[in-house]
Amino acid sequence: MEKTLAIFADIHANIDALDAVLADASEQGATDYICVGDVVGYNAAPNECLDAVRKLNAAFVRGNHDHYCSNDEHLEDFHPLAANVVSWTRQQLGAERQAWLRALPLHAFYQGITLVHATLDMPERWGYVFDEIEAEAHFNYQNTQICFNGHTHVPVFFEKKGNAIERKDATGEIQIQLGKKYFINTGSVGQPRDNDPRASYCVYEVTKRKITFRRVAYDIAAAQKRLKDAGLPDRLSARLSSGR
């Protein structure tokens, strides 16, 4: 059977965006699902999102919000807005869901692909990769041709050939080529930050060696109403509309 992987990250408790992405992935013929972290945080439906992705029998790695929402660690290094929602999310998740999140690995392999939320050089430090220098540190630890990540909420990919690394905007398709390595950020399902409010994810057609970046419109007003009803900060609603 032809393998078609749907790879997504940074759902951030936005069930309206997740439902739209999963519907689109089904239309694209997805056979397998991969989540590279941060199912929870920022939005108002953590339990609904966690239950939905668990039903997919997906491959998972742990994101920083997954980590802090399922542990009692101090949040002094968090932005106050994020810390506010982490505290709220901790109250929503029951013991079983928290234990499940805590047990997720920081990095994993799935059918010859590497998965990590942030970077492979120091996955527990949750570093951000925006440029070639930051990508180089990661590539030193990438032993597979393809690695997917999230964390920045910006769809982008880095291509390495020999010692040369090039950053490329993630639009359209990537044809995977021999002799090159790829570090691919799927963008965010639930809180995009690239000035495009539509949900972002990837589809990988394994036999064709083709990766397609997908953008999916969803009911932003419904997600904003959930935030308002939960009493979460208005700024989170504004971010959904702006994609920033």
Foldseek 3Di string as FASTA:
>chain_A
DFAKEWEAEAQAQQVQLVVQSVVVCVVVVHDAYEYQENQHFLFQHSPVSLVVVVVRVHQYAYDPLLQLLLDPDDDPVPDVQRVVRSVVSVVVDDNVSSVVSNPGHQWDDDPQEIGHAAADLCSVVRDHDDDDVVVLSRVVRDPGQHYEYESVLAWWKWKDADHDIDIGHAAFKDQDDPRIHMYTYFHHSHFAAPQDLFGWIWMARPVRSMIHIDGGDGDLVVRQVSCVVSVRDNVSSVRNVRRD
